[in-house]
Amino acid sequence: MAGLAGKGKDCSGDIAKAVGIMFMSRTYAHMAHLKTPSYSSHKALNKFYDDIVGLCDDLAEGSQGLYGKLDIPFVNISGNVNDPVSALSTHLKQLETTMMGCDEDWIMNIFQEIQKLYRSTLYKLKEVA
């Protein structure tokens, strides 16, 4: 049964890529946070880049307990710092595509928390800003 003892597909490469994307997204959000003229966007991006680090660590460290050390790639910054909604939406789509093949329930539970952070941030940037 997948999720109990790691009997599902080895998705360590996908997880490593996702971690690289999240590191890039964190740095992007920090740059956009410093550039935005909107106080509410400033605060939403601040919360995002603070919170993504812990979630990223949870995903990476838990996965390394199953697969061993991840080979995390460097991902170049993508997105216009003046348009965080578009950039973070693109980052989230990249993450969702990357993680699509992972079938470990507990890994996907962590990933759902990551999705929730992106979507909550996007809501704040679109509707509260």
N, C-alpha and C. Protein backbone atom coordinates (compact mmCIF):
# COMPACT_ATOMS: atom_id res chain seq x y z
N MET A 1 0.85 -1.18 0.00
CA MET A 1 0.00 0.00 0.00
C MET A 1 0.89 1.24 0.00
N ALA A 2 0.71 2.11 -1.01
CA ALA A 2 1.52 3.33 -1.12
C ALA A 2 1.25 4.22 0.09
N GLY A 3 2.30 4.89 0.51
CA GLY A 3 2.15 5.83 1.61
C GLY A 3 2.57 5.26 2.95
N LEU A 4 2.59 3.95 3.12
CA LEU A 4 2.95 3.38 4.40
C LEU A 4 4.44 3.11 4.50
N ALA A 5 5.00 2.48 3.50
CA ALA A 5 6.41 2.10 3.57
C ALA A 5 7.18 2.53 2.35
N GLY A 6 6.68 3.48 1.61
CA GLY A 6 7.40 3.95 0.44
C GLY A 6 7.40 2.96 -0.70
N LYS A 7 6.30 2.26 -0.91
CA LYS A 7 6.22 1.25 -1.95
C LYS A 7 5.73 1.81 -3.27
N GLY A 8 5.44 3.09 -3.29
CA GLY A 8 5.02 3.72 -4.53
C GLY A 8 6.22 4.02 -5.41
N LYS A 9 5.96 4.68 -6.51
CA LYS A 9 7.00 5.09 -7.45
C LYS A 9 8.01 6.01 -6.75
N ASP A 10 9.28 5.87 -7.09
CA ASP A 10 10.32 6.76 -6.56
C ASP A 10 10.14 8.12 -7.22
N CYS A 11 9.70 9.08 -6.44
CA CYS A 11 9.49 10.43 -7.00
C CYS A 11 10.51 11.42 -6.45
N SER A 12 11.67 10.93 -6.04
CA SER A 12 12.69 11.81 -5.47
C SER A 12 13.15 12.89 -6.45
N GLY A 13 13.24 12.56 -7.74
CA GLY A 13 13.63 13.56 -8.72
C GLY A 13 12.60 14.67 -8.86
N ASP A 14 11.33 14.28 -8.82
CA ASP A 14 10.25 15.26 -8.89
C ASP A 14 10.25 16.16 -7.65
N ILE A 15 10.47 15.56 -6.50
CA ILE A 15 10.49 16.33 -5.25
C ILE A 15 11.68 17.28 -5.25
N ALA A 16 12.84 16.81 -5.70
CA ALA A 16 14.03 17.68 -5.77
C ALA A 16 13.75 18.88 -6.67
N LYS A 17 13.13 18.65 -7.82
CA LYS A 17 12.80 19.75 -8.73
C LYS A 17 11.80 20.70 -8.08
N ALA A 18 10.81 20.15 -7.38
CA ALA A 18 9.81 20.99 -6.70
C ALA A 18 10.48 21.86 -5.64
N VAL A 19 11.42 21.30 -4.89
CA VAL A 19 12.13 22.08 -3.88
C VAL A 19 12.91 23.22 -4.55
N GLY A 20 13.56 22.93 -5.67
CA GLY A 20 14.27 23.97 -6.42
C GLY A 20 13.33 25.08 -6.86
N ILE A 21 12.15 24.71 -7.34
CA ILE A 21 11.15 25.71 -7.76
C ILE A 21 10.72 26.55 -6.56
N MET A 22 10.49 25.90 -5.41
CA MET A 22 10.06 26.65 -4.22
C MET A 22 11.15 27.59 -3.72
N PHE A 23 12.42 27.17 -3.78
CA PHE A 23 13.52 28.08 -3.41
C PHE A 23 13.50 29.31 -4.32
N MET A 24 13.33 29.08 -5.63
CA MET A 24 13.28 30.18 -6.59
C MET A 24 12.07 31.08 -6.29
N SER A 25 10.93 30.46 -6.00
CA SER A 25 9.71 31.20 -5.74
C SER A 25 9.84 32.05 -4.47
N ARG A 26 10.51 31.52 -3.46
CA ARG A 26 10.74 32.27 -2.23
C ARG A 26 11.57 33.52 -2.50
N THR A 27 12.63 33.36 -3.27
CA THR A 27 13.48 34.51 -3.59
C THR A 27 12.72 35.52 -4.45
N TYR A 28 11.95 35.01 -5.42
CA TYR A 28 11.13 35.89 -6.25
C TYR A 28 10.18 36.71 -5.36
N ALA A 29 9.48 36.03 -4.45
CA ALA A 29 8.50 36.71 -3.60
C ALA A 29 9.16 37.78 -2.73
N HIS A 30 10.37 37.52 -2.27
CA HIS A 30 11.08 38.50 -1.45
C HIS A 30 11.40 39.75 -2.28
N MET A 31 11.84 39.53 -3.52
CA MET A 31 12.13 40.68 -4.39
C MET A 31 10.85 41.47 -4.69
N ALA A 32 9.76 40.76 -4.99
CA ALA A 32 8.49 41.44 -5.28
C ALA A 32 7.98 42.17 -4.05
N HIS A 33 8.18 41.59 -2.88
CA HIS A 33 7.79 42.19 -1.60
C HIS A 33 8.48 43.55 -1.41
N LEU A 34 9.74 43.61 -1.76
CA LEU A 34 10.50 44.85 -1.59
C LEU A 34 10.16 45.90 -2.64
N LYS A 35 9.59 45.47 -3.75
CA LYS A 35 9.31 46.39 -4.85
C LYS A 35 7.86 46.91 -4.88
N THR A 36 6.94 46.17 -4.30
CA THR A 36 5.53 46.55 -4.43
C THR A 36 5.21 47.87 -3.71
N PRO A 37 4.36 48.70 -4.31
CA PRO A 37 3.92 49.92 -3.63
C PRO A 37 2.70 49.65 -2.72
N SER A 38 2.15 48.44 -2.79
CA SER A 38 0.94 48.10 -2.04
C SER A 38 1.31 47.48 -0.69
N TYR A 39 0.78 48.06 0.38
CA TYR A 39 1.05 47.53 1.72
C TYR A 39 0.50 46.12 1.88
N SER A 40 -0.72 45.87 1.40
CA SER A 40 -1.30 44.53 1.55
C SER A 40 -0.53 43.49 0.74
N SER A 41 -0.06 43.85 -0.45
CA SER A 41 0.77 42.93 -1.24
C SER A 41 2.10 42.69 -0.55
N HIS A 42 2.66 43.76 0.00
CA HIS A 42 3.90 43.68 0.75
C HIS A 42 3.78 42.65 1.88
N LYS A 43 2.69 42.73 2.66
CA LYS A 43 2.46 41.80 3.77
C LYS A 43 2.17 40.38 3.29
N ALA A 44 1.37 40.23 2.23
CA ALA A 44 1.05 38.90 1.71
C ALA A 44 2.31 38.19 1.20
N LEU A 45 3.15 38.93 0.50
CA LEU A 45 4.40 38.33 -0.02
C LEU A 45 5.36 38.02 1.12
N ASN A 46 5.37 38.86 2.14
CA ASN A 46 6.21 38.61 3.33
C ASN A 46 5.80 37.29 4.00
N LYS A 47 4.51 37.11 4.19
CA LYS A 47 4.02 35.86 4.79
C LYS A 47 4.38 34.67 3.92
N PHE A 48 4.24 34.83 2.60
CA PHE A 48 4.57 33.72 1.70
C PHE A 48 6.03 33.32 1.84
N TYR A 49 6.95 34.29 1.73
CA TYR A 49 8.35 33.88 1.75
C TYR A 49 8.80 33.41 3.12
N ASP A 50 8.14 33.84 4.18
CA ASP A 50 8.43 33.29 5.52
C ASP A 50 7.94 31.85 5.64
N ASP A 51 6.72 31.60 5.18
CA ASP A 51 6.09 30.29 5.39
C ASP A 51 6.57 29.21 4.43
N ILE A 52 6.96 29.59 3.23
CA ILE A 52 7.35 28.57 2.23
C ILE A 52 8.61 27.83 2.67
N VAL A 53 9.47 28.48 3.41
CA VAL A 53 10.73 27.84 3.84
C VAL A 53 10.45 26.62 4.72
N GLY A 54 9.58 26.75 5.72
CA GLY A 54 9.27 25.63 6.60
C GLY A 54 8.58 24.50 5.86
N LEU A 55 7.65 24.83 4.97
CA LEU A 55 6.96 23.80 4.20
C LEU A 55 7.91 23.09 3.26
N CYS A 56 8.81 23.84 2.67
CA CYS A 56 9.81 23.27 1.78
C CYS A 56 10.72 22.31 2.56
N ASP A 57 11.14 22.73 3.75
CA ASP A 57 11.95 21.86 4.61
C ASP A 57 11.19 20.58 4.98
N ASP A 58 9.92 20.70 5.31
CA ASP A 58 9.12 19.52 5.64
C ASP A 58 9.11 18.53 4.49
N LEU A 59 8.88 19.04 3.28
CA LEU A 59 8.84 18.18 2.10
C LEU A 59 10.20 17.54 1.84
N ALA A 60 11.25 18.35 1.86
CA ALA A 60 12.59 17.84 1.55
C ALA A 60 13.08 16.85 2.61
N GLU A 61 12.98 17.22 3.87
CA GLU A 61 13.51 16.36 4.93
C GLU A 61 12.72 15.06 5.05
N GLY A 62 11.40 15.12 4.95
CA GLY A 62 10.61 13.90 4.98
C GLY A 62 10.93 12.99 3.82
N SER A 63 11.07 13.58 2.65
CA SER A 63 11.39 12.80 1.45
C SER A 63 12.78 12.19 1.54
N GLN A 64 13.71 12.92 2.11
CA GLN A 64 15.07 12.39 2.26
C GLN A 64 15.09 11.22 3.24
N GLY A 65 14.15 11.19 4.18
CA GLY A 65 14.03 10.05 5.07
C GLY A 65 13.61 8.79 4.33
N LEU A 66 12.93 8.96 3.21
CA LEU A 66 12.50 7.82 2.40
C LEU A 66 13.49 7.50 1.28
N TYR A 67 13.96 8.52 0.57
CA TYR A 67 14.75 8.31 -0.64
C TYR A 67 16.25 8.54 -0.47
N GLY A 68 16.67 9.18 0.61
CA GLY A 68 18.05 9.61 0.73
C GLY A 68 18.17 11.05 0.24
N LYS A 69 19.38 11.56 0.24
CA LYS A 69 19.63 12.97 -0.13
C LYS A 69 19.06 13.28 -1.51
N LEU A 70 18.37 14.41 -1.60
CA LEU A 70 17.83 14.88 -2.87
C LEU A 70 18.89 15.68 -3.61
N ASP A 71 18.88 15.58 -4.93
CA ASP A 71 19.77 16.37 -5.77
C ASP A 71 18.97 17.59 -6.25
N ILE A 72 18.94 18.62 -5.42
CA ILE A 72 18.09 19.79 -5.66
C ILE A 72 18.74 20.71 -6.70
N PRO A 73 18.04 20.97 -7.81
CA PRO A 73 18.61 21.82 -8.85
C PRO A 73 18.44 23.31 -8.52
N PHE A 74 19.30 24.12 -9.08
CA PHE A 74 19.12 25.57 -9.03
C PHE A 74 18.13 25.93 -10.13
N VAL A 75 17.12 26.70 -9.79
CA VAL A 75 16.12 27.14 -10.77
C VAL A 75 16.23 28.65 -10.88
N ASN A 76 16.47 29.13 -12.10
CA ASN A 76 16.58 30.57 -12.32
C ASN A 76 15.27 31.28 -11.98
N ILE A 77 15.39 32.49 -11.47
CA ILE A 77 14.23 33.31 -11.12
C ILE A 77 13.38 33.52 -12.38
N SER A 78 12.07 33.31 -12.22
CA SER A 78 11.17 33.58 -13.33
C SER A 78 10.02 34.44 -12.82
N GLY A 79 9.59 35.35 -13.68
CA GLY A 79 8.47 36.21 -13.35
C GLY A 79 8.88 37.66 -13.17
N ASN A 80 8.00 38.54 -13.57
CA ASN A 80 8.19 39.98 -13.44
C ASN A 80 7.86 40.38 -12.00
N VAL A 81 8.79 41.02 -11.30
CA VAL A 81 8.54 41.40 -9.91
C VAL A 81 7.40 42.39 -9.76
N ASN A 82 6.97 43.00 -10.85
CA ASN A 82 5.83 43.91 -10.81
C ASN A 82 4.50 43.18 -10.99
N ASP A 83 4.54 41.86 -11.21
CA ASP A 83 3.32 41.09 -11.44
C ASP A 83 3.38 39.78 -10.66
N PRO A 84 3.30 39.87 -9.32
CA PRO A 84 3.43 38.65 -8.51
C PRO A 84 2.28 37.65 -8.71
N VAL A 85 1.10 38.10 -9.08
CA VAL A 85 0.00 37.16 -9.31
C VAL A 85 0.34 36.23 -10.46
N SER A 86 0.79 36.78 -11.56
CA SER A 86 1.15 35.97 -12.71
C SER A 86 2.33 35.05 -12.40
N ALA A 87 3.35 35.59 -11.74
CA ALA A 87 4.55 34.82 -11.44
C ALA A 87 4.24 33.67 -10.49
N LEU A 88 3.58 33.94 -9.38
CA LEU A 88 3.29 32.87 -8.42
C LEU A 88 2.30 31.85 -8.98
N SER A 89 1.39 32.29 -9.84
CA SER A 89 0.49 31.35 -10.52
C SER A 89 1.28 30.40 -11.41
N THR A 90 2.25 30.94 -12.12
CA THR A 90 3.11 30.12 -12.98
C THR A 90 3.94 29.16 -12.15
N HIS A 91 4.51 29.64 -11.04
CA HIS A 91 5.30 28.78 -10.17
C HIS A 91 4.44 27.62 -9.64
N LEU A 92 3.21 27.93 -9.23
CA LEU A 92 2.31 26.90 -8.71
C LEU A 92 1.99 25.86 -9.78
N LYS A 93 1.74 26.30 -11.00
CA LYS A 93 1.47 25.35 -12.10
C LYS A 93 2.68 24.45 -12.33
N GLN A 94 3.88 25.03 -12.29
CA GLN A 94 5.09 24.22 -12.45
C GLN A 94 5.19 23.18 -11.34
N LEU A 95 4.90 23.57 -10.12
CA LEU A 95 4.95 22.65 -8.99
C LEU A 95 3.92 21.54 -9.14
N GLU A 96 2.70 21.90 -9.51
CA GLU A 96 1.65 20.90 -9.64
C GLU A 96 1.96 19.90 -10.75
N THR A 97 2.51 20.38 -11.84
CA THR A 97 2.92 19.48 -12.93
C THR A 97 4.06 18.57 -12.47
N THR A 98 5.01 19.13 -11.77
CA THR A 98 6.16 18.37 -11.28
C THR A 98 5.74 17.27 -10.31
N MET A 99 4.83 17.56 -9.42
CA MET A 99 4.44 16.62 -8.37
C MET A 99 3.32 15.65 -8.79
N MET A 100 2.83 15.79 -10.00
CA MET A 100 1.70 15.00 -10.47
C MET A 100 1.92 13.49 -10.35
N GLY A 101 3.13 13.02 -10.55
CA GLY A 101 3.39 11.58 -10.54
C GLY A 101 3.68 10.98 -9.19
N CYS A 102 3.73 11.78 -8.14
CA CYS A 102 4.05 11.28 -6.81
C CYS A 102 2.80 10.68 -6.18
N ASP A 103 2.92 9.45 -5.66
CA ASP A 103 1.73 8.80 -5.11
C ASP A 103 1.86 8.44 -3.63
N GLU A 104 2.84 9.01 -2.95
CA GLU A 104 2.96 8.79 -1.50
C GLU A 104 2.00 9.75 -0.79
N ASP A 105 1.04 9.19 -0.08
CA ASP A 105 0.01 10.02 0.56
C ASP A 105 0.60 11.09 1.48
N TRP A 106 1.52 10.73 2.33
CA TRP A 106 2.05 11.69 3.31
C TRP A 106 2.85 12.79 2.61
N ILE A 107 3.53 12.46 1.51
CA ILE A 107 4.25 13.49 0.74
C ILE A 107 3.23 14.44 0.11
N MET A 108 2.17 13.89 -0.44
CA MET A 108 1.15 14.72 -1.06
C MET A 108 0.39 15.56 -0.03
N ASN A 109 0.29 15.08 1.19
CA ASN A 109 -0.32 15.91 2.25
C ASN A 109 0.51 17.16 2.50
N ILE A 110 1.83 17.00 2.55
CA ILE A 110 2.70 18.17 2.70
C ILE A 110 2.55 19.08 1.49
N PHE A 111 2.51 18.47 0.30
CA PHE A 111 2.39 19.28 -0.91
C PHE A 111 1.06 20.04 -0.94
N GLN A 112 0.00 19.46 -0.41
CA GLN A 112 -1.27 20.17 -0.35
C GLN A 112 -1.18 21.41 0.55
N GLU A 113 -0.39 21.35 1.60
CA GLU A 113 -0.17 22.54 2.44
C GLU A 113 0.58 23.61 1.64
N ILE A 114 1.50 23.19 0.79
CA ILE A 114 2.23 24.12 -0.07
C ILE A 114 1.27 24.77 -1.06
N GLN A 115 0.41 23.96 -1.67
CA GLN A 115 -0.59 24.50 -2.59
C GLN A 115 -1.48 25.51 -1.87
N LYS A 116 -1.88 25.18 -0.66
CA LYS A 116 -2.75 26.08 0.12
C LYS A 116 -2.06 27.43 0.33
N LEU A 117 -0.76 27.42 0.64
CA LEU A 117 -0.04 28.69 0.84
C LEU A 117 -0.02 29.51 -0.45
N TYR A 118 0.28 28.87 -1.58
CA TYR A 118 0.28 29.60 -2.85
C TYR A 118 -1.11 30.18 -3.13
N ARG A 119 -2.14 29.37 -2.97
CA ARG A 119 -3.49 29.83 -3.30
C ARG A 119 -3.97 30.93 -2.35
N SER A 120 -3.64 30.81 -1.08
CA SER A 120 -4.00 31.85 -0.11
C SER A 120 -3.29 33.16 -0.45
N THR A 121 -2.02 33.05 -0.81
CA THR A 121 -1.26 34.25 -1.19
C THR A 121 -1.85 34.88 -2.44
N LEU A 122 -2.19 34.05 -3.43
CA LEU A 122 -2.79 34.58 -4.66
C LEU A 122 -4.12 35.27 -4.36
N TYR A 123 -4.92 34.69 -3.49
CA TYR A 123 -6.18 35.33 -3.09
C TYR A 123 -5.90 36.71 -2.49
N LYS A 124 -4.95 36.78 -1.58
CA LYS A 124 -4.63 38.05 -0.93
C LYS A 124 -4.12 39.08 -1.93
N LEU A 125 -3.31 38.63 -2.88
CA LEU A 125 -2.77 39.55 -3.87
C LEU A 125 -3.85 40.04 -4.84
N LYS A 126 -4.81 39.18 -5.18
CA LYS A 126 -5.85 39.54 -6.15
C LYS A 126 -7.03 40.25 -5.52
N GLU A 127 -7.47 39.80 -4.37
CA GLU A 127 -8.74 40.26 -3.81
C GLU A 127 -8.60 41.24 -2.65
N VAL A 128 -7.47 41.24 -1.97
CA VAL A 128 -7.32 42.07 -0.79
C VAL A 128 -6.44 43.28 -1.07
N ALA A 129 -5.59 43.17 -2.06
CA ALA A 129 -4.63 44.25 -2.37
C ALA A 129 -5.30 45.50 -2.86
